[in-house]
Amino acid sequence: MKKIVTILVSAIAFLILVTTPVAASTMETATLFTNNCAGCHINGGNIVRRGKSLKSKALKKFGMDSTDAIASLIKNGQYAMPAYKGRLTEQQILDVSAYVLEQAKRNWK
């Protein structure tokens, strides 16, 4: 019984340690998106080119439904989209890319 309690307490402690930084990272990434992207892409929309939103359907239509594709666009820019390779780190670009895909799956809610 003592061994089971020890394992259970250890598992709970591990989950707390693992999930807390992820939540902070998600909040930091949401702030990065808000500060750098939401001016044009509020709620996953696109105020410059209406059809090129960050919604799942548009991401799939334009081949932007992977973190690599989104990261490349964020890094290098295209058309009215500015390049962020000098403004954001490689990790920040990857984080924002994953955030965009996750939000698209949730329909930006």
N, C-alpha and C. Protein backbone atom coordinates (compact mmCIF):
# COMPACT_ATOMS: atom_id res chain seq x y z
N MET A 1 0.83 -1.19 0.00
CA MET A 1 0.00 0.00 0.00
C MET A 1 0.87 1.25 0.00
N LYS A 2 1.93 1.24 0.79
CA LYS A 2 2.84 2.38 0.88
C LYS A 2 3.50 2.66 -0.47
N LYS A 3 3.82 1.59 -1.18
CA LYS A 3 4.45 1.72 -2.50
C LYS A 3 3.48 2.36 -3.50
N ILE A 4 2.22 1.97 -3.45
CA ILE A 4 1.20 2.53 -4.35
C ILE A 4 1.03 4.02 -4.09
N VAL A 5 0.97 4.41 -2.83
CA VAL A 5 0.83 5.83 -2.47
C VAL A 5 2.03 6.62 -2.97
N THR A 6 3.22 6.07 -2.80
CA THR A 6 4.44 6.74 -3.26
C THR A 6 4.42 6.93 -4.78
N ILE A 7 4.00 5.91 -5.50
CA ILE A 7 3.92 5.99 -6.96
C ILE A 7 2.88 7.02 -7.37
N LEU A 8 1.74 7.02 -6.71
CA LEU A 8 0.68 7.97 -7.02
C LEU A 8 1.12 9.40 -6.78
N VAL A 9 1.75 9.65 -5.65
CA VAL A 9 2.24 11.00 -5.32
C VAL A 9 3.31 11.43 -6.34
N SER A 10 4.18 10.52 -6.69
CA SER A 10 5.21 10.83 -7.69
C SER A 10 4.60 11.16 -9.04
N ALA A 11 3.58 10.40 -9.43
CA ALA A 11 2.92 10.65 -10.71
C ALA A 11 2.24 12.01 -10.72
N ILE A 12 1.58 12.36 -9.63
CA ILE A 12 0.92 13.66 -9.54
C ILE A 12 1.95 14.78 -9.60
N ALA A 13 3.04 14.64 -8.88
CA ALA A 13 4.10 15.65 -8.89
C ALA A 13 4.67 15.80 -10.30
N PHE A 14 4.89 14.69 -10.98
CA PHE A 14 5.39 14.73 -12.34
C PHE A 14 4.43 15.48 -13.26
N LEU A 15 3.14 15.18 -13.16
CA LEU A 15 2.14 15.86 -14.00
C LEU A 15 2.11 17.36 -13.74
N ILE A 16 2.24 17.75 -12.50
CA ILE A 16 2.26 19.18 -12.17
C ILE A 16 3.48 19.84 -12.80
N LEU A 17 4.62 19.20 -12.68
CA LEU A 17 5.85 19.77 -13.25
C LEU A 17 5.79 19.84 -14.77
N VAL A 18 5.21 18.86 -15.40
CA VAL A 18 5.16 18.82 -16.86
C VAL A 18 4.12 19.78 -17.42
N THR A 19 2.95 19.87 -16.81
CA THR A 19 1.88 20.68 -17.38
C THR A 19 2.01 22.16 -17.08
N THR A 20 2.61 22.55 -16.00
CA THR A 20 2.72 23.96 -15.67
C THR A 20 3.53 24.75 -16.70
N PRO A 21 4.73 24.30 -17.10
CA PRO A 21 5.45 25.06 -18.13
C PRO A 21 4.72 25.10 -19.46
N VAL A 22 3.98 24.06 -19.82
CA VAL A 22 3.24 24.07 -21.08
C VAL A 22 2.19 25.17 -21.06
N ALA A 23 1.48 25.30 -19.95
CA ALA A 23 0.47 26.35 -19.84
C ALA A 23 1.10 27.72 -19.98
N ALA A 24 2.24 27.94 -19.33
CA ALA A 24 2.93 29.22 -19.43
C ALA A 24 3.38 29.45 -20.87
N SER A 25 3.89 28.41 -21.51
CA SER A 25 4.34 28.53 -22.89
C SER A 25 3.19 28.87 -23.82
N THR A 26 2.03 28.26 -23.59
CA THR A 26 0.86 28.55 -24.41
C THR A 26 0.44 30.00 -24.23
N MET A 27 0.48 30.49 -23.01
CA MET A 27 0.12 31.89 -22.76
C MET A 27 1.12 32.82 -23.42
N GLU A 28 2.40 32.48 -23.34
CA GLU A 28 3.43 33.30 -23.98
C GLU A 28 3.24 33.30 -25.50
N THR A 29 2.90 32.15 -26.06
CA THR A 29 2.69 32.06 -27.50
C THR A 29 1.45 32.84 -27.91
N ALA A 30 0.40 32.76 -27.11
CA ALA A 30 -0.81 33.54 -27.40
C ALA A 30 -0.49 35.03 -27.38
N THR A 31 0.35 35.45 -26.45
CA THR A 31 0.77 36.86 -26.38
C THR A 31 1.60 37.23 -27.59
N LEU A 32 2.50 36.34 -28.02
CA LEU A 32 3.29 36.57 -29.24
C LEU A 32 2.37 36.76 -30.43
N PHE A 33 1.37 35.89 -30.55
CA PHE A 33 0.42 36.00 -31.65
C PHE A 33 -0.33 37.33 -31.57
N THR A 34 -0.81 37.66 -30.41
CA THR A 34 -1.55 38.91 -30.22
C THR A 34 -0.71 40.12 -30.59
N ASN A 35 0.54 40.12 -30.14
CA ASN A 35 1.41 41.27 -30.38
C ASN A 35 1.93 41.38 -31.80
N ASN A 36 2.04 40.27 -32.50
CA ASN A 36 2.66 40.29 -33.82
C ASN A 36 1.73 39.98 -34.98
N CYS A 37 0.65 39.25 -34.72
CA CYS A 37 -0.17 38.72 -35.81
C CYS A 37 -1.62 39.20 -35.79
N ALA A 38 -2.15 39.42 -34.61
CA ALA A 38 -3.58 39.70 -34.48
C ALA A 38 -4.01 41.00 -35.14
N GLY A 39 -3.09 41.90 -35.40
CA GLY A 39 -3.44 43.14 -36.10
C GLY A 39 -4.09 42.85 -37.45
N CYS A 40 -3.63 41.82 -38.12
CA CYS A 40 -4.21 41.41 -39.41
C CYS A 40 -5.05 40.13 -39.28
N HIS A 41 -4.73 39.30 -38.29
CA HIS A 41 -5.36 37.98 -38.18
C HIS A 41 -6.18 37.81 -36.91
N ILE A 42 -6.90 38.83 -36.49
CA ILE A 42 -7.70 38.72 -35.28
C ILE A 42 -8.73 37.59 -35.44
N ASN A 43 -8.82 36.77 -34.42
CA ASN A 43 -9.72 35.60 -34.41
C ASN A 43 -9.53 34.69 -35.62
N GLY A 44 -8.32 34.64 -36.15
CA GLY A 44 -8.03 33.76 -37.27
C GLY A 44 -8.45 34.29 -38.62
N GLY A 45 -8.92 35.51 -38.65
CA GLY A 45 -9.33 36.11 -39.92
C GLY A 45 -8.15 36.69 -40.68
N ASN A 46 -8.43 37.53 -41.66
CA ASN A 46 -7.39 38.22 -42.40
C ASN A 46 -8.01 39.51 -42.92
N ILE A 47 -7.61 40.63 -42.35
CA ILE A 47 -8.22 41.90 -42.75
C ILE A 47 -7.65 42.43 -44.06
N VAL A 48 -6.53 41.88 -44.53
CA VAL A 48 -5.91 42.34 -45.76
C VAL A 48 -6.44 41.55 -46.96
N ARG A 49 -6.44 40.21 -46.83
CA ARG A 49 -6.93 39.33 -47.91
C ARG A 49 -7.94 38.37 -47.32
N ARG A 50 -9.19 38.72 -47.44
CA ARG A 50 -10.29 38.02 -46.77
C ARG A 50 -10.25 36.50 -46.92
N GLY A 51 -10.01 35.98 -48.08
CA GLY A 51 -10.03 34.53 -48.30
C GLY A 51 -8.85 33.78 -47.72
N LYS A 52 -7.80 34.49 -47.36
CA LYS A 52 -6.59 33.84 -46.84
C LYS A 52 -6.54 33.96 -45.32
N SER A 53 -7.53 33.38 -44.69
CA SER A 53 -7.61 33.43 -43.23
C SER A 53 -6.77 32.31 -42.62
N LEU A 54 -6.81 32.23 -41.32
CA LEU A 54 -6.12 31.17 -40.58
C LEU A 54 -7.11 30.11 -40.11
N LYS A 55 -8.22 30.02 -40.77
CA LYS A 55 -9.23 28.99 -40.48
C LYS A 55 -8.80 27.69 -41.17
N SER A 56 -9.22 26.57 -40.62
CA SER A 56 -8.80 25.25 -41.13
C SER A 56 -9.02 25.10 -42.63
N LYS A 57 -10.18 25.48 -43.10
CA LYS A 57 -10.52 25.31 -44.53
C LYS A 57 -9.54 26.08 -45.42
N ALA A 58 -9.24 27.32 -45.06
CA ALA A 58 -8.31 28.13 -45.86
C ALA A 58 -6.88 27.60 -45.75
N LEU A 59 -6.48 27.17 -44.55
CA LEU A 59 -5.13 26.63 -44.39
C LEU A 59 -4.93 25.42 -45.28
N LYS A 60 -5.92 24.54 -45.32
CA LYS A 60 -5.83 23.36 -46.18
C LYS A 60 -5.84 23.76 -47.66
N LYS A 61 -6.72 24.66 -48.03
CA LYS A 61 -6.85 25.09 -49.42
C LYS A 61 -5.53 25.62 -49.98
N PHE A 62 -4.79 26.37 -49.15
CA PHE A 62 -3.56 27.00 -49.61
C PHE A 62 -2.29 26.24 -49.20
N GLY A 63 -2.45 24.99 -48.73
CA GLY A 63 -1.29 24.18 -48.36
C GLY A 63 -0.55 24.68 -47.14
N MET A 64 -1.27 25.33 -46.26
CA MET A 64 -0.67 25.88 -45.04
C MET A 64 -1.15 25.13 -43.80
N ASP A 65 -1.40 23.84 -43.94
CA ASP A 65 -1.95 23.06 -42.84
C ASP A 65 -0.91 22.19 -42.14
N SER A 66 0.33 22.71 -42.07
CA SER A 66 1.39 22.05 -41.30
C SER A 66 2.23 23.13 -40.63
N THR A 67 2.87 22.75 -39.53
CA THR A 67 3.71 23.74 -38.84
C THR A 67 4.86 24.19 -39.73
N ASP A 68 5.40 23.29 -40.54
CA ASP A 68 6.51 23.68 -41.42
C ASP A 68 6.08 24.74 -42.43
N ALA A 69 4.93 24.54 -43.04
CA ALA A 69 4.45 25.50 -44.05
C ALA A 69 4.16 26.86 -43.41
N ILE A 70 3.50 26.84 -42.25
CA ILE A 70 3.19 28.09 -41.58
C ILE A 70 4.46 28.78 -41.10
N ALA A 71 5.39 28.00 -40.56
CA ALA A 71 6.66 28.57 -40.09
C ALA A 71 7.43 29.23 -41.23
N SER A 72 7.43 28.59 -42.39
CA SER A 72 8.11 29.16 -43.54
C SER A 72 7.49 30.50 -43.94
N LEU A 73 6.17 30.56 -43.93
CA LEU A 73 5.49 31.81 -44.27
C LEU A 73 5.76 32.90 -43.24
N ILE A 74 5.73 32.52 -41.96
CA ILE A 74 6.02 33.50 -40.91
C ILE A 74 7.46 34.00 -41.06
N LYS A 75 8.36 33.09 -41.27
CA LYS A 75 9.79 33.44 -41.37
C LYS A 75 10.09 34.31 -42.57
N ASN A 76 9.58 33.93 -43.73
CA ASN A 76 9.97 34.59 -44.98
C ASN A 76 8.96 35.60 -45.51
N GLY A 77 7.72 35.52 -45.04
CA GLY A 77 6.69 36.42 -45.54
C GLY A 77 6.32 36.10 -46.97
N GLN A 78 5.26 36.74 -47.45
CA GLN A 78 4.83 36.59 -48.85
C GLN A 78 3.71 37.59 -49.10
N TYR A 79 3.77 38.26 -50.23
CA TYR A 79 2.78 39.28 -50.59
C TYR A 79 2.67 40.32 -49.47
N ALA A 80 1.50 40.52 -48.91
CA ALA A 80 1.32 41.53 -47.86
C ALA A 80 1.83 41.06 -46.50
N MET A 81 2.11 39.76 -46.37
CA MET A 81 2.60 39.20 -45.10
C MET A 81 4.08 39.51 -44.96
N PRO A 82 4.45 40.26 -43.90
CA PRO A 82 5.87 40.58 -43.70
C PRO A 82 6.65 39.37 -43.16
N ALA A 83 7.94 39.39 -43.37
CA ALA A 83 8.83 38.35 -42.83
C ALA A 83 9.14 38.66 -41.37
N TYR A 84 9.15 37.63 -40.54
CA TYR A 84 9.43 37.80 -39.12
C TYR A 84 10.74 37.16 -38.69
N LYS A 85 11.56 36.70 -39.65
CA LYS A 85 12.79 36.01 -39.27
C LYS A 85 13.76 36.88 -38.49
N GLY A 86 13.71 38.16 -38.62
CA GLY A 86 14.58 39.03 -37.83
C GLY A 86 13.94 39.51 -36.55
N ARG A 87 12.63 39.32 -36.42
CA ARG A 87 11.90 39.81 -35.25
C ARG A 87 11.62 38.73 -34.22
N LEU A 88 11.37 37.51 -34.68
CA LEU A 88 11.08 36.39 -33.79
C LEU A 88 12.18 35.35 -33.91
N THR A 89 12.43 34.63 -32.81
CA THR A 89 13.41 33.55 -32.86
C THR A 89 12.82 32.36 -33.61
N GLU A 90 13.67 31.44 -33.98
CA GLU A 90 13.21 30.22 -34.66
C GLU A 90 12.18 29.49 -33.80
N GLN A 91 12.45 29.40 -32.50
CA GLN A 91 11.52 28.71 -31.59
C GLN A 91 10.19 29.45 -31.49
N GLN A 92 10.23 30.76 -31.43
CA GLN A 92 8.98 31.53 -31.38
C GLN A 92 8.16 31.33 -32.66
N ILE A 93 8.83 31.27 -33.79
CA ILE A 93 8.14 31.03 -35.06
C ILE A 93 7.47 29.65 -35.05
N LEU A 94 8.19 28.64 -34.58
CA LEU A 94 7.61 27.30 -34.49
C LEU A 94 6.44 27.26 -33.51
N ASP A 95 6.59 27.95 -32.38
CA ASP A 95 5.52 28.00 -31.38
C ASP A 95 4.26 28.65 -31.94
N VAL A 96 4.45 29.77 -32.64
CA VAL A 96 3.29 30.47 -33.22
C VAL A 96 2.65 29.60 -34.31
N SER A 97 3.46 28.90 -35.08
CA SER A 97 2.92 28.00 -36.11
C SER A 97 2.04 26.92 -35.49
N ALA A 98 2.52 26.30 -34.43
CA ALA A 98 1.74 25.27 -33.74
C ALA A 98 0.48 25.88 -33.12
N TYR A 99 0.60 27.09 -32.59
CA TYR A 99 -0.55 27.79 -32.00
C TYR A 99 -1.62 28.05 -33.06
N VAL A 100 -1.22 28.49 -34.23
CA VAL A 100 -2.16 28.76 -35.32
C VAL A 100 -2.92 27.48 -35.69
N LEU A 101 -2.21 26.37 -35.84
CA LEU A 101 -2.87 25.10 -36.18
C LEU A 101 -3.83 24.67 -35.08
N GLU A 102 -3.41 24.80 -33.84
CA GLU A 102 -4.27 24.41 -32.72
C GLU A 102 -5.53 25.28 -32.67
N GLN A 103 -5.37 26.57 -32.85
CA GLN A 103 -6.53 27.46 -32.84
C GLN A 103 -7.45 27.17 -34.02
N ALA A 104 -6.88 26.86 -35.16
CA ALA A 104 -7.69 26.53 -36.33
C ALA A 104 -8.54 25.29 -36.06
N LYS A 105 -7.95 24.29 -35.41
CA LYS A 105 -8.69 23.07 -35.06
C LYS A 105 -9.85 23.39 -34.13
N ARG A 106 -9.67 24.39 -33.28
CA ARG A 106 -10.70 24.79 -32.32
C ARG A 106 -11.60 25.89 -32.88
N ASN A 107 -11.46 26.19 -34.17
CA ASN A 107 -12.23 27.23 -34.85
C ASN A 107 -12.03 28.60 -34.20
N TRP A 108 -10.85 28.82 -33.67
CA TRP A 108 -10.46 30.10 -33.06
C TRP A 108 -11.39 30.52 -31.93
N LYS A 109 -11.80 29.55 -31.12
CA LYS A 109 -12.64 29.84 -29.94
C LYS A 109 -11.93 29.44 -28.69
